[in-house]
Amino acid sequence: MSDDSLPAQKESRNQPFTIKHLISIGFAVGVTVLIFVFRDHIRALDELAYLGGFLAMLIGNATILLPVPGLVFVFALGGTLNPLLVALTAAPGAALGEMTGYAAGYGGSAIIDNWKLYERLEIWMKRYGLLVIVVLAAIPNPVFDLAGVVAGALRMKWWRFLLAALAGKLIQALFIAYAGALSLDWVRGLLA
């Protein structure tokens, strides 16, 4: 798509509120409320080993309003378990969790507070496609939530978004899990 389609895209943002908007907002808010209600149980995820890494990243990436430190779990688990397996189990959880932002964008109900960044991401995705998703998913940053919204709004195929997010989140999880493993080795070296 060219940049000529941007005005049409802006006009579509002014469409009336529909049931799909309500469902998308309800889903995102519902996930956030559940995470808040069960926050004490979420803190116990580290006891679940690899499954805990998957669940921590799923939950941490599914919420938009209340950040859950999933990467802290990956870092800690990487220091105590096999970091490769930690990354391989955490990355799918993270990618699946990011589907909430995608769903909000697809439903057209995302609440955007930075239109300039939204429009910039929209242009980048139209120009570079999945590469933008992979790169933004690989870097720990709050912009990826908005990238998911843009991908959904652009009607990117959900499975392509999911695979690109998985690739980026795997890079991220590998880095964080191995950083946890190396930091533990470094501490052991100091104590020896």
N, C-alpha and C. Protein backbone atom coordinates (compact mmCIF):
# COMPACT_ATOMS: atom_id res chain seq x y z
N MET A 1 0.83 -1.19 0.00
CA MET A 1 0.00 0.00 0.00
C MET A 1 0.87 1.24 0.00
N SER A 2 0.40 2.26 -0.59
CA SER A 2 1.17 3.49 -0.63
C SER A 2 0.70 4.44 0.47
N ASP A 3 1.43 5.55 0.57
CA ASP A 3 1.07 6.55 1.57
C ASP A 3 -0.26 7.24 1.23
N ASP A 4 -0.73 7.09 -0.04
CA ASP A 4 -2.00 7.70 -0.45
C ASP A 4 -3.18 7.16 0.35
N SER A 5 -3.05 5.95 0.90
CA SER A 5 -4.17 5.35 1.62
C SER A 5 -4.30 5.85 3.06
N LEU A 6 -3.35 6.66 3.49
CA LEU A 6 -3.41 7.16 4.87
C LEU A 6 -4.64 8.02 5.14
N PRO A 7 -5.04 8.95 4.26
CA PRO A 7 -6.24 9.72 4.57
C PRO A 7 -7.48 8.84 4.69
N ALA A 8 -7.60 7.84 3.85
CA ALA A 8 -8.74 6.92 3.95
C ALA A 8 -8.71 6.17 5.27
N GLN A 9 -7.53 5.80 5.70
CA GLN A 9 -7.36 5.10 6.97
C GLN A 9 -7.79 6.01 8.12
N LYS A 10 -7.44 7.29 8.04
CA LYS A 10 -7.82 8.22 9.10
C LYS A 10 -9.34 8.39 9.15
N GLU A 11 -9.98 8.44 7.97
CA GLU A 11 -11.43 8.57 7.95
C GLU A 11 -12.10 7.36 8.59
N SER A 12 -11.53 6.17 8.39
CA SER A 12 -12.15 4.96 8.94
C SER A 12 -12.04 4.94 10.47
N ARG A 13 -11.14 5.70 11.02
CA ARG A 13 -11.01 5.76 12.48
C ARG A 13 -12.19 6.50 13.11
N ASN A 14 -12.90 7.27 12.33
CA ASN A 14 -14.01 8.05 12.85
C ASN A 14 -15.35 7.33 12.70
N GLN A 15 -15.32 6.04 12.39
CA GLN A 15 -16.54 5.28 12.26
C GLN A 15 -17.21 5.13 13.62
N PRO A 16 -18.53 4.90 13.61
CA PRO A 16 -19.24 4.77 14.88
C PRO A 16 -18.78 3.55 15.68
N PHE A 17 -18.98 3.63 16.95
CA PHE A 17 -18.62 2.57 17.89
C PHE A 17 -19.54 1.36 17.65
N THR A 18 -18.96 0.17 17.48
CA THR A 18 -19.76 -1.03 17.19
C THR A 18 -19.51 -2.09 18.26
N ILE A 19 -20.21 -3.21 18.12
CA ILE A 19 -20.07 -4.32 19.06
C ILE A 19 -18.66 -4.89 19.03
N LYS A 20 -18.00 -4.90 17.85
CA LYS A 20 -16.63 -5.41 17.79
C LYS A 20 -15.68 -4.52 18.59
N HIS A 21 -15.97 -3.23 18.64
CA HIS A 21 -15.18 -2.32 19.47
C HIS A 21 -15.35 -2.68 20.95
N LEU A 22 -16.59 -2.90 21.33
CA LEU A 22 -16.89 -3.25 22.71
C LEU A 22 -16.23 -4.57 23.12
N ILE A 23 -16.30 -5.55 22.24
CA ILE A 23 -15.68 -6.86 22.54
C ILE A 23 -14.17 -6.72 22.67
N SER A 24 -13.53 -5.98 21.77
CA SER A 24 -12.08 -5.80 21.82
C SER A 24 -11.64 -5.08 23.09
N ILE A 25 -12.34 -4.01 23.43
CA ILE A 25 -12.01 -3.28 24.66
C ILE A 25 -12.27 -4.16 25.87
N GLY A 26 -13.40 -4.86 25.87
CA GLY A 26 -13.73 -5.75 26.98
C GLY A 26 -12.68 -6.83 27.18
N PHE A 27 -12.18 -7.38 26.08
CA PHE A 27 -11.14 -8.41 26.16
C PHE A 27 -9.87 -7.85 26.80
N ALA A 28 -9.40 -6.71 26.30
CA ALA A 28 -8.17 -6.11 26.84
C ALA A 28 -8.33 -5.72 28.31
N VAL A 29 -9.46 -5.11 28.65
CA VAL A 29 -9.70 -4.71 30.04
C VAL A 29 -9.87 -5.94 30.92
N GLY A 30 -10.57 -6.96 30.41
CA GLY A 30 -10.78 -8.20 31.17
C GLY A 30 -9.48 -8.89 31.52
N VAL A 31 -8.56 -8.96 30.55
CA VAL A 31 -7.25 -9.57 30.82
C VAL A 31 -6.52 -8.78 31.88
N THR A 32 -6.56 -7.47 31.77
CA THR A 32 -5.88 -6.61 32.75
C THR A 32 -6.47 -6.79 34.14
N VAL A 33 -7.79 -6.83 34.24
CA VAL A 33 -8.45 -7.02 35.54
C VAL A 33 -8.08 -8.37 36.14
N LEU A 34 -8.10 -9.42 35.33
CA LEU A 34 -7.73 -10.75 35.82
C LEU A 34 -6.29 -10.77 36.34
N ILE A 35 -5.41 -10.12 35.64
CA ILE A 35 -4.01 -10.06 36.08
C ILE A 35 -3.91 -9.32 37.41
N PHE A 36 -4.65 -8.23 37.55
CA PHE A 36 -4.62 -7.49 38.81
C PHE A 36 -5.18 -8.34 39.94
N VAL A 37 -6.30 -9.00 39.71
CA VAL A 37 -6.94 -9.82 40.76
C VAL A 37 -6.04 -10.98 41.19
N PHE A 38 -5.37 -11.59 40.24
CA PHE A 38 -4.55 -12.76 40.55
C PHE A 38 -3.05 -12.44 40.62
N ARG A 39 -2.70 -11.20 40.93
CA ARG A 39 -1.29 -10.78 40.94
C ARG A 39 -0.43 -11.59 41.91
N ASP A 40 -0.97 -12.02 43.04
CA ASP A 40 -0.18 -12.81 43.99
C ASP A 40 0.14 -14.19 43.41
N HIS A 41 -0.79 -14.76 42.68
CA HIS A 41 -0.54 -16.04 42.03
C HIS A 41 0.48 -15.89 40.91
N ILE A 42 0.46 -14.77 40.25
CA ILE A 42 1.40 -14.52 39.16
C ILE A 42 2.82 -14.47 39.70
N ARG A 43 2.99 -13.90 40.88
CA ARG A 43 4.33 -13.83 41.47
C ARG A 43 4.89 -15.22 41.77
N ALA A 44 4.04 -16.20 41.93
CA ALA A 44 4.47 -17.57 42.23
C ALA A 44 4.81 -18.37 40.97
N LEU A 45 4.77 -17.74 39.81
CA LEU A 45 5.03 -18.47 38.56
C LEU A 45 6.45 -19.03 38.47
N ASP A 46 7.39 -18.39 39.16
CA ASP A 46 8.76 -18.89 39.08
C ASP A 46 8.90 -20.30 39.63
N GLU A 47 7.96 -20.74 40.46
CA GLU A 47 7.99 -22.10 41.00
C GLU A 47 7.60 -23.13 39.94
N LEU A 48 7.02 -22.70 38.85
CA LEU A 48 6.57 -23.61 37.80
C LEU A 48 7.63 -23.89 36.74
N ALA A 49 8.83 -23.39 36.94
CA ALA A 49 9.96 -23.60 36.04
C ALA A 49 9.64 -23.11 34.63
N TYR A 50 9.83 -23.96 33.63
CA TYR A 50 9.63 -23.55 32.24
C TYR A 50 8.21 -23.09 31.96
N LEU A 51 7.24 -23.80 32.50
CA LEU A 51 5.85 -23.40 32.33
C LEU A 51 5.63 -22.01 32.94
N GLY A 52 6.30 -21.73 34.03
CA GLY A 52 6.21 -20.41 34.65
C GLY A 52 6.71 -19.31 33.73
N GLY A 53 7.79 -19.60 33.00
CA GLY A 53 8.30 -18.62 32.03
C GLY A 53 7.30 -18.36 30.92
N PHE A 54 6.68 -19.44 30.42
CA PHE A 54 5.64 -19.30 29.39
C PHE A 54 4.48 -18.45 29.90
N LEU A 55 3.98 -18.81 31.09
CA LEU A 55 2.82 -18.10 31.65
C LEU A 55 3.14 -16.65 32.00
N ALA A 56 4.33 -16.41 32.55
CA ALA A 56 4.72 -15.04 32.90
C ALA A 56 4.79 -14.16 31.66
N MET A 57 5.33 -14.71 30.59
CA MET A 57 5.42 -13.92 29.36
C MET A 57 4.05 -13.77 28.69
N LEU A 58 3.23 -14.80 28.75
CA LEU A 58 1.87 -14.71 28.19
C LEU A 58 1.10 -13.60 28.90
N ILE A 59 1.12 -13.63 30.21
CA ILE A 59 0.40 -12.65 31.01
C ILE A 59 1.02 -11.25 30.87
N GLY A 60 2.35 -11.20 30.93
CA GLY A 60 3.04 -9.92 30.86
C GLY A 60 2.83 -9.20 29.53
N ASN A 61 2.67 -9.96 28.46
CA ASN A 61 2.48 -9.35 27.15
C ASN A 61 1.02 -9.19 26.77
N ALA A 62 0.13 -9.84 27.50
CA ALA A 62 -1.30 -9.73 27.21
C ALA A 62 -1.91 -8.46 27.78
N THR A 63 -1.32 -7.93 28.82
CA THR A 63 -1.87 -6.73 29.44
C THR A 63 -1.29 -5.49 28.78
N ILE A 64 -2.13 -4.51 28.66
CA ILE A 64 -1.68 -3.24 28.07
C ILE A 64 -1.62 -2.17 29.16
N LEU A 65 -2.54 -2.20 30.08
CA LEU A 65 -2.64 -1.14 31.09
C LEU A 65 -1.72 -1.35 32.28
N LEU A 66 -1.61 -2.58 32.76
CA LEU A 66 -0.78 -2.85 33.94
C LEU A 66 0.39 -3.74 33.55
N PRO A 67 1.61 -3.20 33.53
CA PRO A 67 2.74 -4.02 33.12
C PRO A 67 3.06 -5.11 34.15
N VAL A 68 3.30 -6.31 33.65
CA VAL A 68 3.72 -7.43 34.48
C VAL A 68 5.14 -7.78 34.04
N PRO A 69 6.08 -7.85 34.96
CA PRO A 69 7.49 -8.03 34.60
C PRO A 69 7.85 -9.46 34.16
N GLY A 70 7.35 -9.88 33.00
CA GLY A 70 7.64 -11.21 32.49
C GLY A 70 9.12 -11.42 32.23
N LEU A 71 9.81 -10.39 31.76
CA LEU A 71 11.24 -10.53 31.47
C LEU A 71 12.06 -10.77 32.73
N VAL A 72 11.57 -10.29 33.87
CA VAL A 72 12.27 -10.54 35.14
C VAL A 72 12.24 -12.04 35.43
N PHE A 73 11.11 -12.70 35.16
CA PHE A 73 11.01 -14.15 35.34
C PHE A 73 11.97 -14.87 34.40
N VAL A 74 12.02 -14.43 33.15
CA VAL A 74 12.90 -15.06 32.17
C VAL A 74 14.36 -14.91 32.60
N PHE A 75 14.71 -13.74 33.09
CA PHE A 75 16.07 -13.49 33.57
C PHE A 75 16.40 -14.42 34.74
N ALA A 76 15.50 -14.48 35.71
CA ALA A 76 15.72 -15.32 36.89
C ALA A 76 15.75 -16.80 36.53
N LEU A 77 14.82 -17.23 35.70
CA LEU A 77 14.80 -18.63 35.29
C LEU A 77 16.01 -19.00 34.45
N GLY A 78 16.48 -18.06 33.63
CA GLY A 78 17.68 -18.30 32.84
C GLY A 78 18.90 -18.54 33.72
N GLY A 79 18.89 -17.96 34.91
CA GLY A 79 20.01 -18.15 35.83
C GLY A 79 19.93 -19.46 36.60
N THR A 80 18.77 -20.10 36.62
CA THR A 80 18.63 -21.33 37.40
C THR A 80 18.30 -22.56 36.56
N LEU A 81 17.78 -22.35 35.35
CA LEU A 81 17.44 -23.46 34.46
C LEU A 81 18.23 -23.33 33.16
N ASN A 82 18.02 -24.24 32.24
CA ASN A 82 18.67 -24.17 30.94
C ASN A 82 18.14 -22.94 30.20
N PRO A 83 19.00 -21.94 29.93
CA PRO A 83 18.52 -20.69 29.33
C PRO A 83 17.91 -20.87 27.94
N LEU A 84 18.41 -21.84 27.17
CA LEU A 84 17.84 -22.09 25.85
C LEU A 84 16.40 -22.57 25.97
N LEU A 85 16.16 -23.50 26.89
CA LEU A 85 14.80 -24.01 27.09
C LEU A 85 13.88 -22.94 27.69
N VAL A 86 14.43 -22.11 28.54
CA VAL A 86 13.64 -21.00 29.09
C VAL A 86 13.18 -20.10 27.95
N ALA A 87 14.09 -19.74 27.06
CA ALA A 87 13.75 -18.86 25.94
C ALA A 87 12.75 -19.54 25.01
N LEU A 88 12.95 -20.83 24.74
CA LEU A 88 12.06 -21.55 23.82
C LEU A 88 10.65 -21.71 24.38
N THR A 89 10.50 -21.66 25.70
CA THR A 89 9.16 -21.74 26.28
C THR A 89 8.56 -20.36 26.56
N ALA A 90 9.40 -19.38 26.83
CA ALA A 90 8.91 -18.03 27.12
C ALA A 90 8.45 -17.29 25.86
N ALA A 91 9.18 -17.46 24.77
CA ALA A 91 8.87 -16.71 23.54
C ALA A 91 7.46 -16.99 23.00
N PRO A 92 7.01 -18.24 22.94
CA PRO A 92 5.63 -18.45 22.47
C PRO A 92 4.59 -17.80 23.39
N GLY A 93 4.85 -17.80 24.69
CA GLY A 93 3.93 -17.13 25.61
C GLY A 93 3.86 -15.64 25.34
N ALA A 94 5.03 -15.04 25.09
CA ALA A 94 5.07 -13.61 24.80
C ALA A 94 4.33 -13.29 23.50
N ALA A 95 4.58 -14.09 22.47
CA ALA A 95 3.94 -13.84 21.17
C ALA A 95 2.42 -14.00 21.27
N LEU A 96 1.97 -15.02 21.97
CA LEU A 96 0.53 -15.21 22.14
C LEU A 96 -0.08 -14.05 22.94
N GLY A 97 0.63 -13.59 23.94
CA GLY A 97 0.14 -12.46 24.75
C GLY A 97 -0.01 -11.19 23.93
N GLU A 98 0.84 -11.01 22.94
CA GLU A 98 0.78 -9.81 22.11
C GLU A 98 -0.45 -9.78 21.20
N MET A 99 -1.15 -10.89 21.12
CA MET A 99 -2.35 -10.94 20.28
C MET A 99 -3.46 -10.02 20.82
N THR A 100 -3.38 -9.60 22.09
CA THR A 100 -4.40 -8.69 22.60
C THR A 100 -4.33 -7.33 21.91
N GLY A 101 -3.11 -6.82 21.71
CA GLY A 101 -2.95 -5.56 20.99
C GLY A 101 -3.40 -5.69 19.55
N TYR A 102 -3.04 -6.81 18.93
CA TYR A 102 -3.46 -7.08 17.55
C TYR A 102 -4.98 -7.10 17.47
N ALA A 103 -5.62 -7.80 18.41
CA ALA A 103 -7.08 -7.90 18.41
C ALA A 103 -7.73 -6.53 18.60
N ALA A 104 -7.15 -5.70 19.45
CA ALA A 104 -7.70 -4.36 19.65
C ALA A 104 -7.61 -3.55 18.36
N GLY A 105 -6.50 -3.67 17.65
CA GLY A 105 -6.36 -2.96 16.38
C GLY A 105 -7.27 -3.52 15.31
N TYR A 106 -7.40 -4.83 15.27
CA TYR A 106 -8.26 -5.48 14.28
C TYR A 106 -9.72 -5.10 14.52
N GLY A 107 -10.08 -5.02 15.78
CA GLY A 107 -11.45 -4.64 16.11
C GLY A 107 -11.70 -3.14 15.97
N GLY A 108 -10.64 -2.38 15.77
CA GLY A 108 -10.78 -0.95 15.58
C GLY A 108 -11.10 -0.20 16.85
N SER A 109 -10.79 -0.81 18.01
CA SER A 109 -11.19 -0.17 19.26
C SER A 109 -10.02 0.27 20.13
N ALA A 110 -8.84 0.26 19.58
CA ALA A 110 -7.68 0.64 20.39
C ALA A 110 -7.74 2.12 20.73
N ILE A 111 -7.37 2.43 21.94
CA ILE A 111 -7.31 3.82 22.37
C ILE A 111 -5.86 4.26 22.18
N ILE A 112 -5.65 5.16 21.25
CA ILE A 112 -4.31 5.60 20.88
C ILE A 112 -4.09 6.99 21.45
N ASP A 113 -3.00 7.15 22.19
CA ASP A 113 -2.71 8.47 22.74
C ASP A 113 -1.53 9.13 22.03
N ASN A 114 -0.91 8.44 21.07
CA ASN A 114 0.21 9.02 20.35
C ASN A 114 -0.01 8.76 18.86
N TRP A 115 -0.82 9.62 18.22
CA TRP A 115 -1.16 9.42 16.81
C TRP A 115 0.04 9.55 15.90
N LYS A 116 0.98 10.41 16.27
CA LYS A 116 2.16 10.59 15.43
C LYS A 116 2.96 9.29 15.35
N LEU A 117 3.16 8.64 16.50
CA LEU A 117 3.87 7.37 16.52
C LEU A 117 3.07 6.30 15.79
N TYR A 118 1.76 6.30 15.99
CA TYR A 118 0.88 5.35 15.30
C TYR A 118 1.05 5.48 13.78
N GLU A 119 0.98 6.71 13.30
CA GLU A 119 1.10 6.95 11.86
C GLU A 119 2.49 6.57 11.34
N ARG A 120 3.52 6.83 12.14
CA ARG A 120 4.87 6.45 11.73
C ARG A 120 4.99 4.92 11.63
N LEU A 121 4.47 4.21 12.63
CA LEU A 121 4.49 2.75 12.59
C LEU A 121 3.68 2.22 11.41
N GLU A 122 2.57 2.87 11.13
CA GLU A 122 1.73 2.47 10.00
C GLU A 122 2.51 2.57 8.69
N ILE A 123 3.21 3.66 8.50
CA ILE A 123 4.02 3.86 7.29
C ILE A 123 5.13 2.81 7.23
N TRP A 124 5.82 2.58 8.35
CA TRP A 124 6.90 1.59 8.37
C TRP A 124 6.39 0.21 8.03
N MET A 125 5.23 -0.15 8.59
CA MET A 125 4.69 -1.49 8.34
C MET A 125 4.24 -1.65 6.89
N LYS A 126 3.70 -0.60 6.33
CA LYS A 126 3.32 -0.67 4.92
C LYS A 126 4.56 -0.80 4.03
N ARG A 127 5.64 -0.19 4.46
CA ARG A 127 6.86 -0.20 3.65
C ARG A 127 7.70 -1.46 3.90
N TYR A 128 7.86 -1.86 5.17
CA TYR A 128 8.78 -2.96 5.51
C TYR A 128 8.08 -4.22 6.02
N GLY A 129 6.80 -4.13 6.29
CA GLY A 129 6.02 -5.31 6.67
C GLY A 129 6.46 -5.98 7.96
N LEU A 130 6.64 -7.28 7.86
CA LEU A 130 6.91 -8.11 9.04
C LEU A 130 8.24 -7.79 9.72
N LEU A 131 9.19 -7.23 8.97
CA LEU A 131 10.48 -6.88 9.57
C LEU A 131 10.31 -5.91 10.74
N VAL A 132 9.36 -4.99 10.61
CA VAL A 132 9.10 -4.03 11.70
C VAL A 132 8.63 -4.78 12.94
N ILE A 133 7.76 -5.77 12.75
CA ILE A 133 7.26 -6.56 13.88
C ILE A 133 8.40 -7.32 14.55
N VAL A 134 9.24 -7.98 13.77
CA VAL A 134 10.35 -8.76 14.32
C VAL A 134 11.29 -7.87 15.12
N VAL A 135 11.68 -6.74 14.54
CA VAL A 135 12.64 -5.85 15.21
C VAL A 135 12.05 -5.27 16.50
N LEU A 136 10.82 -4.78 16.43
CA LEU A 136 10.22 -4.20 17.64
C LEU A 136 9.94 -5.25 18.70
N ALA A 137 9.65 -6.48 18.29
CA ALA A 137 9.41 -7.55 19.27
C ALA A 137 10.71 -7.97 19.95
N ALA A 138 11.82 -7.84 19.25
CA ALA A 138 13.10 -8.27 19.81
C ALA A 138 13.63 -7.31 20.87
N ILE A 139 13.19 -6.08 20.82
CA ILE A 139 13.69 -5.05 21.74
C ILE A 139 12.65 -4.82 22.83
N PRO A 140 13.04 -4.94 24.11
CA PRO A 140 12.07 -4.63 25.17
C PRO A 140 11.68 -3.15 25.11
N ASN A 141 10.43 -2.89 24.75
CA ASN A 141 9.97 -1.51 24.64
C ASN A 141 8.44 -1.48 24.65
N PRO A 142 7.88 -0.37 25.08
CA PRO A 142 6.41 -0.26 25.11
C PRO A 142 5.80 0.00 23.73
N VAL A 143 6.60 0.29 22.74
CA VAL A 143 6.10 0.59 21.40
C VAL A 143 5.50 -0.64 20.73
N PHE A 144 5.93 -1.84 21.15
CA PHE A 144 5.44 -3.03 20.48
C PHE A 144 3.94 -3.22 20.65
N ASP A 145 3.39 -2.80 21.77
CA ASP A 145 1.93 -2.87 21.94
C ASP A 145 1.23 -2.09 20.84
N LEU A 146 1.74 -0.91 20.56
CA LEU A 146 1.16 -0.08 19.51
C LEU A 146 1.39 -0.71 18.13
N ALA A 147 2.53 -1.37 17.94
CA ALA A 147 2.79 -2.06 16.67
C ALA A 147 1.77 -3.16 16.45
N GLY A 148 1.39 -3.85 17.50
CA GLY A 148 0.35 -4.88 17.38
C GLY A 148 -0.98 -4.27 16.99
N VAL A 149 -1.30 -3.13 17.56
CA VAL A 149 -2.54 -2.42 17.22
C VAL A 149 -2.52 -2.03 15.74
N VAL A 150 -1.40 -1.50 15.29
CA VAL A 150 -1.28 -1.10 13.88
C VAL A 150 -1.41 -2.31 12.97
N ALA A 151 -0.75 -3.40 13.32
CA ALA A 151 -0.83 -4.62 12.50
C ALA A 151 -2.26 -5.11 12.39
N GLY A 152 -2.99 -5.07 13.48
CA GLY A 152 -4.39 -5.48 13.44
C GLY A 152 -5.24 -4.53 12.61
N ALA A 153 -5.01 -3.24 12.77
CA ALA A 153 -5.77 -2.25 12.02
C ALA A 153 -5.49 -2.35 10.52
N LEU A 154 -4.27 -2.73 10.16
CA LEU A 154 -3.90 -2.90 8.75
C LEU A 154 -4.37 -4.24 8.19
N ARG A 155 -5.00 -5.04 9.06
CA ARG A 155 -5.51 -6.35 8.67
C ARG A 155 -4.40 -7.30 8.22
N MET A 156 -3.24 -7.16 8.87
CA MET A 156 -2.17 -8.13 8.63
C MET A 156 -2.71 -9.49 9.04
N LYS A 157 -2.40 -10.52 8.30
CA LYS A 157 -2.86 -11.87 8.65
C LYS A 157 -2.41 -12.17 10.08
N TRP A 158 -3.33 -12.67 10.90
CA TRP A 158 -3.01 -12.91 12.32
C TRP A 158 -1.86 -13.88 12.46
N TRP A 159 -1.76 -14.90 11.66
CA TRP A 159 -0.71 -15.90 11.81
C TRP A 159 0.65 -15.33 11.39
N ARG A 160 0.65 -14.39 10.44
CA ARG A 160 1.92 -13.75 10.06
C ARG A 160 2.41 -12.85 11.21
N PHE A 161 1.46 -12.11 11.78
CA PHE A 161 1.82 -11.28 12.93
C PHE A 161 2.37 -12.15 14.06
N LEU A 162 1.68 -13.25 14.34
CA LEU A 162 2.09 -14.15 15.42
C LEU A 162 3.48 -14.72 15.16
N LEU A 163 3.76 -15.18 13.95
CA LEU A 163 5.08 -15.74 13.63
C LEU A 163 6.19 -14.68 13.71
N ALA A 164 5.90 -13.47 13.21
CA ALA A 164 6.89 -12.39 13.29
C ALA A 164 7.14 -12.00 14.75
N ALA A 165 6.07 -11.92 15.53
CA ALA A 165 6.22 -11.61 16.96
C ALA A 165 7.00 -12.72 17.66
N LEU A 166 6.73 -13.97 17.30
CA LEU A 166 7.46 -15.10 17.89
C LEU A 166 8.95 -15.02 17.59
N ALA A 167 9.29 -14.71 16.34
CA ALA A 167 10.71 -14.59 15.97
C ALA A 167 11.40 -13.51 16.80
N GLY A 168 10.77 -12.34 16.91
CA GLY A 168 11.36 -11.26 17.69
C GLY A 168 11.40 -11.57 19.17
N LYS A 169 10.33 -12.14 19.70
CA LYS A 169 10.29 -12.47 21.13
C LYS A 169 11.29 -13.58 21.47
N LEU A 170 11.57 -14.47 20.51
CA LEU A 170 12.58 -15.50 20.76
C LEU A 170 13.97 -14.87 20.88
N ILE A 171 14.27 -13.92 20.01
CA ILE A 171 15.55 -13.20 20.11
C ILE A 171 15.64 -12.52 21.47
N GLN A 172 14.57 -11.85 21.87
CA GLN A 172 14.53 -11.15 23.15
C GLN A 172 14.71 -12.12 24.32
N ALA A 173 13.96 -13.22 24.30
CA ALA A 173 14.01 -14.19 25.40
C ALA A 173 15.38 -14.86 25.48
N LEU A 174 15.99 -15.16 24.34
CA LEU A 174 17.34 -15.74 24.34
C LEU A 174 18.33 -14.78 25.01
N PHE A 175 18.27 -13.53 24.64
CA PHE A 175 19.17 -12.53 25.22
C PHE A 175 18.97 -12.42 26.73
N ILE A 176 17.72 -12.31 27.16
CA ILE A 176 17.42 -12.11 28.59
C ILE A 176 17.75 -13.37 29.40
N ALA A 177 17.39 -14.56 28.89
CA ALA A 177 17.67 -15.80 29.61
C ALA A 177 19.17 -16.04 29.74
N TYR A 178 19.91 -15.80 28.67
CA TYR A 178 21.37 -15.98 28.74
C TYR A 178 22.03 -14.91 29.60
N ALA A 179 21.46 -13.71 29.62
CA ALA A 179 21.97 -12.68 30.54
C ALA A 179 21.79 -13.13 31.98
N GLY A 180 20.64 -13.76 32.27
CA GLY A 180 20.41 -14.30 33.61
C GLY A 180 21.40 -15.40 33.94
N ALA A 181 21.65 -16.29 32.99
CA ALA A 181 22.61 -17.38 33.21
C ALA A 181 24.02 -16.84 33.41
N LEU A 182 24.41 -15.89 32.60
CA LEU A 182 25.76 -15.33 32.71
C LEU A 182 25.94 -14.54 34.00
N SER A 183 24.90 -13.85 34.42
CA SER A 183 25.01 -13.08 35.66
C SER A 183 25.18 -14.01 36.85
N LEU A 184 24.47 -15.15 36.83
CA LEU A 184 24.62 -16.12 37.91
C LEU A 184 26.02 -16.72 37.91
N ASP A 185 26.54 -17.03 36.72
CA ASP A 185 27.91 -17.54 36.61
C ASP A 185 28.91 -16.50 37.12
N TRP A 186 28.65 -15.24 36.83
CA TRP A 186 29.54 -14.17 37.27
C TRP A 186 29.54 -14.07 38.80
N VAL A 187 28.37 -14.15 39.41
CA VAL A 187 28.26 -14.11 40.87
C VAL A 187 28.96 -15.32 41.48
N ARG A 188 28.76 -16.50 40.91
CA ARG A 188 29.46 -17.69 41.41
C ARG A 188 30.96 -17.52 41.33
N GLY A 189 31.45 -16.91 40.26
CA GLY A 189 32.90 -16.67 40.10
C GLY A 189 33.41 -15.72 41.17
N LEU A 190 32.63 -14.72 41.54
CA LEU A 190 33.05 -13.79 42.58
C LEU A 190 33.11 -14.46 43.94
N LEU A 191 32.17 -15.38 44.19
CA LEU A 191 32.11 -16.04 45.49
C LEU A 191 33.11 -17.19 45.62
N ALA A 192 33.63 -17.65 44.51
CA ALA A 192 34.56 -18.81 44.55
C ALA A 192 35.93 -18.43 44.98
